[in-house]
Amino acid sequence: MTDAQTTPIRRLAAPQAVLLEQPRHGVPQTSEMLFGETCTPLDRDGDWVKVENRTDGHVGWLPPGTETAEPVAPTHRVSGRVVNLHPAPTHKAVPVAALSFGSLVRVAEQADTQCPGGWVRLDNGLWTFGKLLEPVTVPLNRVPVETALRFLETPYVWGGRSAFGIDCSGLVQVALRAAGITTHHSSGMQRNDDRLGPMLSTDGRGMDYRRGDIVFFPGHVGIMLDGATLLHATVFTMSVVTEPLADVAARAEGITGVRRPVF
């Protein structure tokens, strides 16, 4: 391994990238980076680079060939669940890539200045539809449950945090991030994170659940859709679903915590 402290901060230029727990293929994914997010290189092992995602502090190994670039200040973030990138400003141009909700982009040109929200060219030369973006100056104040609902039926992917695949803590992280709360990509660390609001219960007994409560189980987490229904990414269906909280608690052998975010 070699010292990577002299390596400058990098920006992800690929639509997304996995972070692995070790510098080799075939090991578990621990998290995911989105287009435009920046990372700090920490170490190297051949062509593998150990990085810290500057969005949430998660550390993992980027596989060889992961495309990165010099950091630039983003002008917009993706507000659509998924946006396609096209080689030309027309719906007839076959998409060549797609970005997930929350990705960070820099708009370089608007195709028609008389049509706000129309086609825009990004600094990588590809085009997307402006109505699916929002300026980074727009406050992060989305309602977490509404954000999480947009991911219904998204495939479950261990370590995922995008519309291409997401896990339980990734869903909670994305939903809270869009509301202005940054937290870890780990259900255990989220349980101990006071940024998610006060701990109302450590076992769920006697709880009067409200929409938006964060409920923890052994190795799992979800968001309350209402007083009795949990919204979560689960290996039980390998997707994001809604289920009765009682069913999830029985399957998970209990509740280990309930937090109520404060906005």
Protein backbone atom coordinates (compact mmCIF):
# COMPACT_ATOMS: atom_id res chain seq x y z
CA MET A 1 0.00 0.00 0.00
CA THR A 2 1.10 3.57 -0.62
CA ASP A 3 0.40 6.87 1.07
CA ALA A 4 -2.51 8.69 -0.59
CA GLN A 5 -2.49 11.82 1.56
CA THR A 6 -0.99 13.87 -1.29
CA THR A 7 -3.80 12.85 -3.65
CA PRO A 8 -6.28 15.72 -4.13
CA ILE A 9 -9.98 15.52 -3.38
CA ARG A 10 -11.81 13.86 -6.27
CA ARG A 11 -15.34 14.10 -7.66
CA LEU A 12 -17.20 11.03 -8.90
CA ALA A 13 -17.70 11.34 -12.66
CA ALA A 14 -19.45 7.97 -13.10
CA PRO A 15 -23.23 7.74 -12.59
CA GLN A 16 -22.58 5.82 -9.35
CA ALA A 17 -19.85 3.74 -7.78
CA VAL A 18 -19.74 1.01 -5.16
CA LEU A 19 -17.61 1.23 -2.03
CA LEU A 20 -16.28 -2.18 -1.01
CA GLU A 21 -15.04 -3.31 2.40
CA GLN A 22 -11.76 -4.64 1.01
CA PRO A 23 -9.61 -3.88 -2.08
CA ARG A 24 -10.69 -6.90 -4.09
CA HIS A 25 -13.67 -8.12 -6.07
CA GLY A 26 -16.16 -10.51 -4.53
CA VAL A 27 -16.40 -8.81 -1.13
CA PRO A 28 -19.50 -7.05 0.25
CA GLN A 29 -20.45 -3.56 -0.82
CA THR A 30 -20.62 -1.29 2.20
CA SER A 31 -21.95 1.87 0.56
CA GLU A 32 -22.34 3.72 -2.72
CA MET A 33 -21.29 7.09 -4.11
CA LEU A 34 -23.48 9.19 -6.38
CA PHE A 35 -22.47 11.27 -9.38
CA GLY A 36 -20.91 14.56 -8.32
CA GLU A 37 -20.16 13.56 -4.74
CA THR A 38 -16.60 14.20 -3.63
CA CYS A 39 -14.24 11.94 -1.77
CA THR A 40 -10.92 12.14 0.03
CA PRO A 41 -8.39 9.43 -0.94
CA LEU A 42 -6.96 7.75 2.15
CA ASP A 43 -4.87 4.88 0.83
CA ARG A 44 -4.06 2.82 -2.25
CA ASP A 45 -3.59 -0.85 -3.01
CA GLY A 46 -2.55 -1.17 -6.63
CA ASP A 47 -5.36 0.39 -8.67
CA TRP A 48 -7.78 0.28 -5.75
CA VAL A 49 -8.32 3.53 -3.84
CA LYS A 50 -9.60 3.74 -0.27
CA VAL A 51 -11.71 6.89 0.06
CA GLU A 52 -13.93 8.75 2.48
CA ASN A 53 -17.18 9.98 0.98
CA ARG A 54 -17.34 13.63 2.00
CA THR A 55 -21.16 13.53 2.00
CA ASP A 56 -21.55 11.13 4.92
CA GLY A 57 -18.04 10.18 6.02
CA HIS A 58 -18.37 6.58 4.86
CA VAL A 59 -15.06 4.87 4.08
CA GLY A 60 -14.58 2.13 1.50
CA TRP A 61 -12.59 0.98 -1.50
CA LEU A 62 -13.33 2.26 -5.02
CA PRO A 63 -12.74 -0.43 -7.67
CA PRO A 64 -10.11 0.07 -10.39
CA GLY A 65 -11.33 2.14 -13.32
CA THR A 66 -13.86 4.18 -11.33
CA GLU A 67 -14.08 7.48 -13.20
CA THR A 68 -13.29 10.55 -11.12
CA ALA A 69 -12.49 14.17 -11.97
CA GLU A 70 -11.38 17.42 -10.42
CA PRO A 71 -13.95 18.86 -8.01
CA VAL A 72 -16.24 21.60 -9.31
CA ALA A 73 -18.99 23.44 -7.50
CA PRO A 74 -22.35 21.89 -8.45
CA THR A 75 -25.13 24.18 -9.59
CA HIS A 76 -27.97 21.68 -9.31
CA ARG A 77 -28.95 18.39 -7.74
CA VAL A 78 -31.16 15.70 -9.26
CA SER A 79 -34.69 16.04 -7.90
CA GLY A 80 -36.25 13.37 -10.12
CA ARG A 81 -36.04 9.81 -8.88
CA VAL A 82 -33.94 8.97 -11.96
CA VAL A 83 -32.87 11.22 -14.82
CA ASN A 84 -31.48 10.08 -18.14
CA LEU A 85 -28.47 11.65 -19.79
CA HIS A 86 -28.64 12.10 -23.56
CA PRO A 87 -25.99 12.93 -26.19
CA ALA A 88 -28.28 15.61 -27.68
CA PRO A 89 -31.15 17.83 -26.41
CA THR A 90 -33.99 15.70 -27.72
CA HIS A 91 -36.09 12.84 -26.39
CA LYS A 92 -35.19 10.88 -29.52
CA ALA A 93 -31.52 10.72 -28.55
CA VAL A 94 -30.87 7.34 -26.93
CA PRO A 95 -29.88 7.79 -23.24
CA VAL A 96 -26.29 6.86 -22.51
CA ALA A 97 -26.43 7.02 -18.71
CA ALA A 98 -28.78 7.70 -15.80
CA LEU A 99 -28.39 9.54 -12.50
CA SER A 100 -30.17 8.90 -9.22
CA PHE A 101 -32.02 11.30 -6.94
CA GLY A 102 -29.56 13.44 -5.03
CA SER A 103 -26.76 13.35 -7.58
CA LEU A 104 -24.88 16.64 -7.97
CA VAL A 105 -24.41 18.23 -11.39
CA ARG A 106 -23.08 21.40 -12.95
CA VAL A 107 -25.26 22.96 -15.68
CA ALA A 108 -23.17 24.53 -18.44
CA GLU A 109 -25.80 25.55 -20.97
CA GLN A 110 -29.55 25.81 -21.50
CA ALA A 111 -30.76 24.77 -24.96
CA ASP A 112 -33.60 27.30 -25.12
CA THR A 113 -33.36 30.31 -22.83
CA GLN A 114 -37.03 31.05 -23.57
CA CYS A 115 -38.04 27.69 -22.08
CA PRO A 116 -36.98 27.48 -18.44
CA GLY A 117 -36.90 23.90 -17.25
CA GLY A 118 -36.17 22.52 -20.70
CA TRP A 119 -33.04 20.79 -21.95
CA VAL A 120 -29.77 21.65 -20.24
CA ARG A 121 -26.21 20.57 -21.00
CA LEU A 122 -24.08 19.40 -18.11
CA ASP A 123 -20.37 20.07 -17.84
CA ASN A 124 -19.68 16.52 -19.04
CA GLY A 125 -21.28 17.35 -22.39
CA LEU A 126 -24.45 15.31 -21.89
CA TRP A 127 -28.00 16.67 -21.82
CA THR A 128 -30.88 16.19 -19.43
CA PHE A 129 -34.25 17.81 -18.75
CA GLY A 130 -34.01 20.78 -16.43
CA LYS A 131 -37.36 20.16 -14.74
CA LEU A 132 -35.81 17.08 -13.15
CA LEU A 133 -33.14 19.20 -11.44
CA GLU A 134 -33.24 21.81 -8.70
CA PRO A 135 -30.66 24.48 -7.83
CA VAL A 136 -28.39 23.55 -4.94
CA THR A 137 -29.49 26.84 -3.38
CA VAL A 138 -32.97 25.37 -2.81
CA PRO A 139 -33.17 24.42 0.89
CA LEU A 140 -33.11 20.74 1.79
CA ASN A 141 -36.54 20.64 3.40
CA ARG A 142 -38.38 17.76 1.77
CA VAL A 143 -40.66 15.63 3.97
CA PRO A 144 -38.72 12.39 4.69
CA VAL A 145 -41.69 10.07 4.25
CA GLU A 146 -42.56 11.61 0.90
CA THR A 147 -38.98 11.16 -0.28
CA ALA A 148 -38.89 7.55 0.91
CA LEU A 149 -42.20 6.80 -0.83
CA ARG A 150 -40.61 7.69 -4.16
CA PHE A 151 -38.36 4.65 -3.70
CA LEU A 152 -41.22 2.14 -3.37
CA GLU A 153 -40.41 -1.08 -5.24
CA THR A 154 -36.76 -0.05 -5.68
CA PRO A 155 -34.64 -3.23 -5.58
CA TYR A 156 -32.91 -4.03 -2.31
CA VAL A 157 -29.13 -3.85 -2.64
CA TRP A 158 -26.87 -4.28 0.38
CA GLY A 159 -24.89 -1.04 0.71
CA GLY A 160 -27.05 0.79 -1.83
CA ARG A 161 -28.26 4.37 -1.44
CA SER A 162 -29.68 5.18 -4.86
CA ALA A 163 -32.69 4.58 -7.10
CA PHE A 164 -30.73 1.75 -8.73
CA GLY A 165 -30.70 -0.22 -5.47
CA ILE A 166 -30.97 0.67 -1.80
CA ASP A 167 -30.79 -0.92 1.64
CA CYS A 168 -32.63 -0.12 4.87
CA SER A 169 -30.20 2.45 6.25
CA GLY A 170 -29.64 3.87 2.77
CA LEU A 171 -33.37 4.61 2.45
CA VAL A 172 -33.42 6.36 5.82
CA GLN A 173 -30.24 8.26 4.99
CA VAL A 174 -31.53 9.48 1.60
CA ALA A 175 -34.90 10.50 3.03
CA LEU A 176 -33.34 12.46 5.89
CA ARG A 177 -30.63 13.97 3.71
CA ALA A 178 -33.32 15.52 1.51
CA ALA A 179 -34.77 17.05 4.68
CA GLY A 180 -31.46 18.59 5.69
CA ILE A 181 -30.30 15.91 8.14
CA THR A 182 -27.03 14.12 7.37
CA THR A 183 -26.53 10.74 9.01
CA HIS A 184 -24.49 7.57 8.62
CA HIS A 185 -25.11 4.71 6.20
CA SER A 186 -25.51 2.14 8.97
CA SER A 187 -28.61 1.24 10.97
CA GLY A 188 -26.55 0.75 14.14
CA MET A 189 -24.85 4.13 13.80
CA GLN A 190 -28.16 5.80 12.94
CA ARG A 191 -29.69 4.39 16.12
CA ASN A 192 -26.98 6.13 18.13
CA ASP A 193 -27.12 9.37 16.13
CA ASP A 194 -28.83 12.21 18.00
CA ARG A 195 -29.19 14.12 14.72
CA LEU A 196 -32.16 11.83 14.08
CA GLY A 197 -34.03 13.33 17.03
CA PRO A 198 -34.67 12.16 20.58
CA MET A 199 -34.80 8.47 21.45
CA LEU A 200 -38.42 8.01 22.49
CA SER A 201 -38.24 4.33 23.27
CA THR A 202 -35.72 1.51 23.34
CA ASP A 203 -38.26 -1.27 22.80
CA GLY A 204 -41.34 0.34 21.18
CA ARG A 205 -43.66 -0.61 24.02
CA GLY A 206 -46.52 1.81 24.60
CA MET A 207 -45.43 3.99 21.67
CA ASP A 208 -47.89 6.31 19.98
CA TYR A 209 -46.19 6.18 16.60
CA ARG A 210 -46.34 9.13 14.24
CA ARG A 211 -45.65 9.52 10.54
CA GLY A 212 -41.91 9.97 10.08
CA ASP A 213 -40.74 8.17 13.23
CA ILE A 214 -37.55 6.17 12.69
CA VAL A 215 -37.88 2.63 14.07
CA PHE A 216 -34.90 0.37 14.74
CA PHE A 217 -34.68 -3.40 14.93
CA PRO A 218 -31.71 -5.76 15.30
CA GLY A 219 -29.69 -4.91 12.18
CA HIS A 220 -32.56 -3.05 10.53
CA VAL A 221 -34.33 0.33 10.32
CA GLY A 222 -37.42 1.85 8.69
CA ILE A 223 -39.66 4.93 8.62
CA MET A 224 -43.22 5.03 9.86
CA LEU A 225 -45.73 5.83 7.14
CA ASP A 226 -48.48 6.24 9.72
CA GLY A 227 -49.22 5.01 13.22
CA ALA A 228 -49.11 1.34 12.25
CA THR A 229 -47.29 0.98 8.91
CA LEU A 230 -43.55 0.79 8.28
CA LEU A 231 -41.87 1.90 5.05
CA HIS A 232 -38.55 0.13 4.60
CA ALA A 233 -36.09 -1.60 2.30
CA THR A 234 -36.09 -5.27 3.25
CA VAL A 235 -34.49 -8.54 2.23
CA PHE A 236 -37.85 -10.19 2.97
CA THR A 237 -39.11 -8.91 -0.40
CA MET A 238 -35.75 -7.69 -1.77
CA SER A 239 -37.36 -4.30 -2.34
CA VAL A 240 -38.73 -1.16 -0.71
CA VAL A 241 -42.22 -1.90 0.63
CA THR A 242 -44.78 -0.91 3.23
CA GLU A 243 -45.79 -3.46 5.87
CA PRO A 244 -47.61 -3.51 9.19
CA LEU A 245 -45.08 -2.58 11.87
CA ALA A 246 -46.28 -5.50 13.99
CA ASP A 247 -45.35 -7.98 11.24
CA VAL A 248 -41.85 -6.53 10.85
CA ALA A 249 -41.28 -6.45 14.61
CA ALA A 250 -42.33 -10.09 14.95
CA ARG A 251 -40.05 -11.15 12.10
CA ALA A 252 -37.13 -9.11 13.46
CA GLU A 253 -37.69 -10.40 17.02
CA GLY A 254 -38.32 -7.00 18.51
CA ILE A 255 -37.78 -3.25 18.30
CA THR A 256 -34.56 -1.73 19.63
CA GLY A 257 -35.29 1.97 19.35
CA VAL A 258 -37.56 4.74 18.11
CA ARG A 259 -36.37 8.24 17.19
CA ARG A 260 -38.47 11.22 16.10
CA PRO A 261 -36.61 13.69 13.85
CA VAL A 262 -36.97 17.36 14.70
CA PHE A 263 -37.11 19.93 11.89
